[in-house]
Amino acid sequence: MTCRTILSLALLGLCSHQLSASTLESVTAEVDSLSAVRDSLKADLKLVKAQVDSLEALQKKLQAEEDSKALPEVFVVSEVVGGTINVIERERYGLFPSVARFGSATYYKRPDGSFYVQLVTRGSDGEPNKTTNDVVLAGIYHVRSRIESSQSPE
């Protein structure tokens, strides 16, 4: 029921009871006051909604920052080789043939679900060099199939 409807009903009631003009003015003032309060509350509600939207956006931003700081986890390509493919496994399964001075390869899964491989090679001075390359899941499946297809039945 709107304030104007209430006012109309109040006026009808007042007229039927033949109340004084001052009572009518008092009711009209009260209805106007309630209308002003309603309008003020509507404005406040809009402000609160804007603040909630702002806080939700900030929460998403902070969550994204937190997720980006999360550490990637080692992704085991195959239980046969475990978390890291070493030089012997590279030779046995014919992996990474174009990587010179191969030392090891470790696959990682990032918090966002993407993957990369960290390759460790030996420089001419014998020092390890680490490089990372993004990989797609199909590439990981290819490496897994190379390893598992090379397994001989016991």
Foldseek 3Di string as FASTA:
>chain_A
DALVVVLVVVVVVCVVVVDDPVVNVVSVVVSVVVVVVVVVVVVVVVVVVVVVVVVVVVVVVVVVVVLQPDDWDWDALDPVCGFKQAPVNCVLLVPPPVDPQWGIKGKTAGSVGWIKIWTWGADPVRDTDIDIDTDHVVVSPVSSCSNVVSDDDD
